[in-house]
Amino acid sequence: MNLKTELKNFIKSRQASNRGDRTILWYEQQIGCWVNFIESKNLNDVADIFDPDRFEDFLIYERSRANLSDSGVHARFRAARTFFNWLHKRERRRLRTTALDWDPPTSLIEPPKEPVVAPRVAVETSVDRLLASIKKLRWVDLRDRCLVEALRSCGLRVTEACNLLVSDIAITAGFVFVRAGKGEKDRYVPFGDRFTSAFLEYQFNRPPTTCINLFVSANGHNRVIHKPLNDNAVRQMIRRRCKDAQVDYFNPHSVRHLYAIDALNRGMKADALSMAMGHSSVSFTLRRYAKWQKSGLREEYDNSVKR
């Protein structure tokens, strides 16, 4: 079995199933490390290649020799599990019975422990101070305010915000249409008055442009460049705005975390939040955020004390 050829076939299958470019690159990098490890051992027999003990040796190697974190080792395991399961099904589909005398090694060992790390959440007062510091004197001021509100009020990923089209905003219905989010999945996200106000102010002052994206680039003289903003430009903008507002810099993704925990604290159901954020499952949403919400815990404690 030529593992490099099978990896190329696996990548083609991901492309055929319309996975995003970043997802495909992630699989290629993660599984490629295992393929290189197997080749370094000069293993050719199928039983040796897919030996569970051998795969555990790989995980140990990645943690010790490659100095990989627990999260990194778990990522290697997840990617390999998907690849092994796909390969096993592919061999069955080809009716290669001699090549099926192995089980996916990831099904025969304990998965590495995944660390539970608190998400890096933006400080709400810092986000509010940044928004309040924007004077709304120029169209770029209104653009920046609208973009930060898109992160804060809708929980968008920064690339999702950059990819928004003007036509994706349904003001009357109060929904943003997020096209081709993570995993190439579309979704609708509701918003309230704060984003409505920021969007309308920006839209009425947005200069004429051939760019169909909502958030348009500008040069150093605030003249429109007919190209959409990219995620690096957004980070630079937030860094500059944080300095003006005299608050510590916060990463755009930390604003998404703020949106999620704030939504849970306000009583939003986990399944609805999972849909709004474009997560793969409700269990992921709960695992990622429910542990870190405080308001509900405080309320339950106060009620128990009263009783």
Protein backbone atom coordinates (compact mmCIF):
# COMPACT_ATOMS: atom_id res chain seq x y z
CA MET A 1 0.00 0.00 0.00
CA ASN A 2 1.43 3.35 -1.06
CA LEU A 3 0.41 5.73 1.71
CA LYS A 4 1.32 8.90 -0.17
CA THR A 5 -0.91 7.84 -3.07
CA GLU A 6 -3.73 7.01 -0.67
CA LEU A 7 -3.31 10.39 1.03
CA LYS A 8 -3.65 12.11 -2.36
CA ASN A 9 -6.81 10.09 -3.01
CA PHE A 10 -8.15 11.08 0.40
CA ILE A 11 -7.50 14.75 -0.30
CA LYS A 12 -9.34 14.39 -3.62
CA SER A 13 -12.30 12.89 -1.76
CA ARG A 14 -12.35 15.90 0.59
CA GLN A 15 -12.35 18.21 -2.42
CA ALA A 16 -15.16 16.20 -4.01
CA SER A 17 -17.21 16.59 -0.81
CA ASN A 18 -16.70 20.37 -1.04
CA ARG A 19 -14.50 20.84 2.01
CA GLY A 20 -12.86 24.24 2.37
CA ASP A 21 -9.27 24.89 1.31
CA ARG A 22 -8.12 25.40 4.90
CA THR A 23 -9.74 22.16 6.02
CA ILE A 24 -8.09 20.25 3.19
CA LEU A 25 -4.69 21.76 3.99
CA TRP A 26 -5.16 20.84 7.66
CA TYR A 27 -5.82 17.20 6.79
CA GLU A 28 -2.86 17.12 4.43
CA GLN A 29 -0.50 18.49 7.08
CA GLN A 30 -1.77 16.34 9.96
CA ILE A 31 -1.91 13.02 8.11
CA GLY A 32 1.32 13.78 6.26
CA CYS A 33 3.15 13.67 9.61
CA TRP A 34 1.94 10.11 10.22
CA VAL A 35 2.85 9.04 6.66
CA ASN A 36 6.37 10.43 7.13
CA PHE A 37 6.66 8.60 10.45
CA ILE A 38 5.66 5.27 8.88
CA GLU A 39 8.08 5.76 5.98
CA SER A 40 10.91 6.56 8.40
CA LYS A 41 10.35 3.12 9.96
CA ASN A 42 10.53 1.41 6.52
CA LEU A 43 7.24 -0.38 7.13
CA ASN A 44 5.54 -2.02 4.15
CA ASP A 45 3.35 -4.73 5.60
CA VAL A 46 -0.28 -3.64 6.17
CA ALA A 47 -0.40 -5.27 9.60
CA ASP A 48 2.66 -3.26 10.69
CA ILE A 49 1.47 0.00 9.16
CA PHE A 50 -1.88 -0.14 10.96
CA ASP A 51 -0.66 -1.68 14.19
CA PRO A 52 -2.32 0.21 17.11
CA ASP A 53 0.90 -0.01 19.11
CA ARG A 54 2.75 1.58 16.21
CA PHE A 55 0.22 4.41 16.06
CA GLU A 56 0.64 5.04 19.79
CA ASP A 57 4.39 5.20 19.16
CA PHE A 58 3.64 7.93 16.63
CA LEU A 59 1.60 9.94 19.15
CA ILE A 60 4.36 9.60 21.74
CA TYR A 61 6.92 10.67 19.14
CA GLU A 62 4.87 13.75 18.24
CA ARG A 63 4.51 14.76 21.87
CA SER A 64 8.15 14.21 22.85
CA ARG A 65 10.33 14.60 19.75
CA ALA A 66 8.18 17.08 17.83
CA ASN A 67 7.38 18.96 21.07
CA LEU A 68 3.70 19.05 20.19
CA SER A 69 1.11 20.31 22.68
CA ASP A 70 -1.77 18.16 23.91
CA SER A 71 -4.07 20.00 21.51
CA GLY A 72 -1.69 19.31 18.65
CA VAL A 73 -1.48 15.59 19.45
CA HIS A 74 -5.26 15.39 19.64
CA ALA A 75 -5.47 17.08 16.23
CA ARG A 76 -3.14 14.42 14.79
CA PHE A 77 -5.42 11.72 16.24
CA ARG A 78 -8.64 13.26 14.86
CA ALA A 79 -7.24 13.69 11.37
CA ALA A 80 -5.80 10.16 11.32
CA ARG A 81 -9.09 8.70 12.56
CA THR A 82 -10.94 10.29 9.64
CA PHE A 83 -8.30 9.06 7.19
CA PHE A 84 -8.24 5.49 8.55
CA ASN A 85 -12.03 5.21 8.47
CA TRP A 86 -12.14 6.55 4.91
CA LEU A 87 -9.38 4.19 3.81
CA HIS A 88 -11.09 1.17 5.35
CA LYS A 89 -14.35 1.99 3.56
CA ARG A 90 -12.46 2.57 0.32
CA GLU A 91 -10.80 -0.84 0.53
CA ARG A 92 -14.18 -2.44 1.20
CA ARG A 93 -15.63 -0.60 -1.78
CA ARG A 94 -12.83 -1.96 -3.96
CA LEU A 95 -13.51 -5.47 -2.57
CA ARG A 96 -9.89 -5.88 -1.63
CA THR A 97 -10.48 -8.50 1.00
CA THR A 98 -6.76 -9.11 1.56
CA ALA A 99 -6.29 -5.45 2.38
CA LEU A 100 -9.06 -5.48 4.99
CA ASP A 101 -7.25 -7.64 7.52
CA TRP A 102 -6.80 -4.63 9.77
CA ASP A 103 -8.96 -2.38 11.90
CA PRO A 104 -8.49 1.38 12.08
CA PRO A 105 -5.93 1.72 14.89
CA THR A 106 -7.75 4.77 16.25
CA SER A 107 -10.72 2.48 17.05
CA LEU A 108 -8.53 0.19 19.17
CA ILE A 109 -6.76 2.69 21.41
CA GLU A 110 -7.79 5.35 23.87
CA PRO A 111 -7.83 8.80 22.25
CA PRO A 112 -5.32 11.22 23.75
CA LYS A 113 -6.75 13.48 26.38
CA GLU A 114 -7.90 16.77 24.94
CA PRO A 115 -7.09 19.70 27.25
CA VAL A 116 -9.97 21.87 28.38
CA VAL A 117 -8.77 25.41 27.94
CA ALA A 118 -10.86 28.47 28.67
CA PRO A 119 -11.51 30.42 25.47
CA ARG A 120 -9.77 33.77 25.29
CA VAL A 121 -12.73 36.09 25.67
CA ALA A 122 -12.64 39.79 24.87
CA VAL A 123 -13.46 42.09 27.79
CA GLU A 124 -16.91 43.50 27.15
CA THR A 125 -16.05 46.95 28.50
CA SER A 126 -13.03 47.11 26.18
CA VAL A 127 -15.18 46.34 23.13
CA ASP A 128 -17.73 48.94 24.25
CA ARG A 129 -15.01 51.54 24.80
CA LEU A 130 -13.57 50.88 21.37
CA LEU A 131 -16.97 51.32 19.73
CA ALA A 132 -17.64 54.50 21.72
CA SER A 133 -14.25 55.94 20.71
CA ILE A 134 -15.06 55.81 16.99
CA LYS A 135 -16.16 59.37 16.16
CA LYS A 136 -18.11 58.55 12.98
CA LEU A 137 -16.57 61.46 11.06
CA ARG A 138 -15.58 59.48 7.94
CA TRP A 139 -17.06 56.57 6.03
CA VAL A 140 -14.19 54.34 7.22
CA ASP A 141 -15.16 55.12 10.81
CA LEU A 142 -18.66 53.87 10.09
CA ARG A 143 -17.26 50.82 8.31
CA ASP A 144 -15.03 49.92 11.25
CA ARG A 145 -17.86 50.38 13.73
CA CYS A 146 -20.17 48.21 11.63
CA LEU A 147 -17.54 45.50 11.33
CA VAL A 148 -16.86 45.33 15.06
CA GLU A 149 -20.63 45.21 15.65
CA ALA A 150 -20.86 42.30 13.20
CA LEU A 151 -18.35 40.42 15.36
CA ARG A 152 -20.01 41.44 18.63
CA SER A 153 -23.69 41.19 17.72
CA CYS A 154 -23.55 38.20 15.36
CA GLY A 155 -20.57 36.19 16.61
CA LEU A 156 -19.05 35.98 13.14
CA ARG A 157 -15.62 34.68 12.39
CA VAL A 158 -13.42 37.43 10.96
CA THR A 159 -13.25 35.76 7.52
CA GLU A 160 -17.04 35.40 7.52
CA ALA A 161 -17.41 39.11 8.19
CA CYS A 162 -14.97 39.95 5.39
CA ASN A 163 -16.89 37.70 2.98
CA LEU A 164 -20.28 39.31 3.67
CA LEU A 165 -22.04 40.82 0.67
CA VAL A 166 -24.35 43.81 0.96
CA SER A 167 -27.19 41.56 -0.15
CA ASP A 168 -26.50 39.17 2.76
CA ILE A 169 -27.98 41.65 5.26
CA ALA A 170 -31.76 41.36 5.61
CA ILE A 171 -32.59 44.42 7.70
CA THR A 172 -36.35 43.87 7.85
CA ALA A 173 -36.05 40.23 8.87
CA GLY A 174 -33.08 40.92 11.17
CA PHE A 175 -30.84 38.18 9.80
CA VAL A 176 -27.34 37.96 8.34
CA PHE A 177 -26.80 35.26 5.74
CA VAL A 178 -23.36 33.73 6.26
CA ARG A 179 -22.29 31.96 3.08
CA ALA A 180 -19.69 29.22 3.04
CA GLY A 181 -18.62 29.51 6.66
CA LYS A 182 -16.28 27.01 8.27
CA GLY A 183 -16.76 23.64 6.61
CA GLU A 184 -18.37 25.43 3.63
CA LYS A 185 -21.69 25.55 5.51
CA ASP A 186 -24.22 28.35 5.02
CA ARG A 187 -26.31 29.67 7.91
CA TYR A 188 -28.52 32.52 9.10
CA VAL A 189 -27.62 34.59 12.16
CA PRO A 190 -30.10 36.95 13.86
CA PHE A 191 -29.09 40.45 14.97
CA GLY A 192 -30.58 43.28 16.98
CA ASP A 193 -30.84 47.06 17.01
CA ARG A 194 -27.14 47.77 17.57
CA PHE A 195 -26.04 46.09 14.37
CA THR A 196 -29.04 47.50 12.49
CA SER A 197 -28.05 51.04 13.43
CA ALA A 198 -24.36 50.49 12.60
CA PHE A 199 -25.19 48.86 9.26
CA LEU A 200 -27.60 51.59 8.12
CA GLU A 201 -25.20 54.40 9.03
CA TYR A 202 -22.41 52.69 7.13
CA GLN A 203 -24.57 51.75 4.17
CA PHE A 204 -25.87 55.31 3.68
CA ASN A 205 -22.30 56.67 3.73
CA ARG A 206 -20.52 53.85 1.90
CA PRO A 207 -18.85 55.35 -1.21
CA PRO A 208 -19.72 54.09 -4.70
CA THR A 209 -17.69 51.00 -5.49
CA THR A 210 -17.57 48.05 -7.84
CA CYS A 211 -16.90 45.74 -4.87
CA ILE A 212 -19.96 43.68 -3.92
CA ASN A 213 -18.63 42.89 -0.46
CA LEU A 214 -20.05 44.85 2.45
CA PHE A 215 -16.72 45.87 3.96
CA VAL A 216 -14.59 47.69 1.40
CA SER A 217 -10.89 48.53 1.67
CA ALA A 218 -9.50 52.07 1.81
CA ASN A 219 -6.06 53.58 1.26
CA GLY A 220 -4.16 55.80 3.68
CA HIS A 221 -6.17 58.82 2.52
CA ASN A 222 -9.51 57.10 3.22
CA ARG A 223 -10.23 56.70 -0.46
CA VAL A 224 -12.05 53.56 -1.45
CA ILE A 225 -10.13 50.66 -2.94
CA HIS A 226 -12.48 48.42 -4.87
CA LYS A 227 -11.50 45.31 -2.93
CA PRO A 228 -12.93 43.66 0.19
CA LEU A 229 -11.18 43.88 3.53
CA ASN A 230 -9.19 40.81 4.53
CA ASP A 231 -8.68 39.34 7.97
CA ASN A 232 -5.20 40.83 8.39
CA ALA A 233 -6.54 44.31 7.63
CA VAL A 234 -9.27 43.78 10.24
CA ARG A 235 -6.72 42.83 12.90
CA GLN A 236 -4.62 45.88 12.07
CA MET A 237 -7.71 48.07 12.27
CA ILE A 238 -8.69 46.69 15.68
CA ARG A 239 -5.15 47.11 16.94
CA ARG A 240 -5.17 50.76 15.84
CA ARG A 241 -8.64 51.38 17.27
CA CYS A 242 -7.70 49.75 20.59
CA LYS A 243 -4.72 52.09 20.88
CA ASP A 244 -6.95 55.11 20.21
CA ALA A 245 -9.47 53.89 22.80
CA GLN A 246 -6.65 53.19 25.29
CA VAL A 247 -7.67 49.57 25.83
CA ASP A 248 -5.66 46.37 25.48
CA TYR A 249 -5.74 44.76 22.06
CA PHE A 250 -8.29 41.97 21.62
CA ASN A 251 -8.23 39.43 18.83
CA PRO A 252 -11.35 39.45 16.59
CA HIS A 253 -12.00 35.80 17.45
CA SER A 254 -12.11 36.67 21.14
CA VAL A 255 -15.15 38.85 20.35
CA ARG A 256 -16.86 35.76 18.91
CA HIS A 257 -16.18 33.98 22.22
CA LEU A 258 -17.66 36.96 24.07
CA TYR A 259 -20.80 36.70 21.93
CA ALA A 260 -21.19 32.98 22.71
CA ILE A 261 -20.75 33.18 26.48
CA ASP A 262 -22.89 36.31 26.70
CA ALA A 263 -25.66 34.55 24.72
CA LEU A 264 -25.61 31.57 27.12
CA ASN A 265 -25.62 33.87 30.13
CA ARG A 266 -28.70 35.62 28.73
CA GLY A 267 -30.51 32.30 28.43
CA MET A 268 -30.07 31.42 24.76
CA LYS A 269 -30.51 27.69 24.23
CA ALA A 270 -27.38 25.79 23.30
CA ASP A 271 -28.88 24.30 20.13
CA ALA A 272 -29.88 27.75 18.86
CA LEU A 273 -26.45 29.16 19.70
CA SER A 274 -24.79 26.23 17.94
CA MET A 275 -26.77 26.98 14.77
CA ALA A 276 -26.01 30.71 14.96
CA MET A 277 -22.29 30.08 15.37
CA GLY A 278 -22.08 27.41 12.67
CA HIS A 279 -20.74 24.70 14.96
CA SER A 280 -20.65 21.07 13.87
CA SER A 281 -22.69 19.92 16.89
CA VAL A 282 -24.42 21.15 20.03
CA SER A 283 -22.04 19.05 22.13
CA PHE A 284 -19.12 21.07 20.75
CA THR A 285 -20.86 24.32 21.74
CA LEU A 286 -21.50 23.06 25.26
CA ARG A 287 -17.98 21.67 25.61
CA ARG A 288 -16.47 24.90 24.36
CA TYR A 289 -18.52 27.46 26.26
CA ALA A 290 -21.02 26.15 28.82
CA LYS A 291 -18.33 25.42 31.40
CA TRP A 292 -17.21 29.04 31.40
CA GLN A 293 -20.52 30.85 31.75
CA LYS A 294 -20.94 32.58 35.10
CA SER A 295 -24.29 34.37 35.23
CA GLY A 296 -26.38 31.21 35.29
CA LEU A 297 -24.12 29.65 37.91
CA ARG A 298 -24.34 32.79 40.05
CA GLU A 299 -28.13 32.82 39.81
CA GLU A 300 -28.44 29.15 40.74
CA TYR A 301 -26.14 29.67 43.73
CA ASP A 302 -28.03 32.76 44.94
CA ASN A 303 -31.37 30.94 44.63
CA SER A 304 -30.04 27.96 46.59
CA VAL A 305 -28.82 30.26 49.37
CA LYS A 306 -32.22 31.93 49.58
CA ARG A 307 -33.88 28.55 49.95
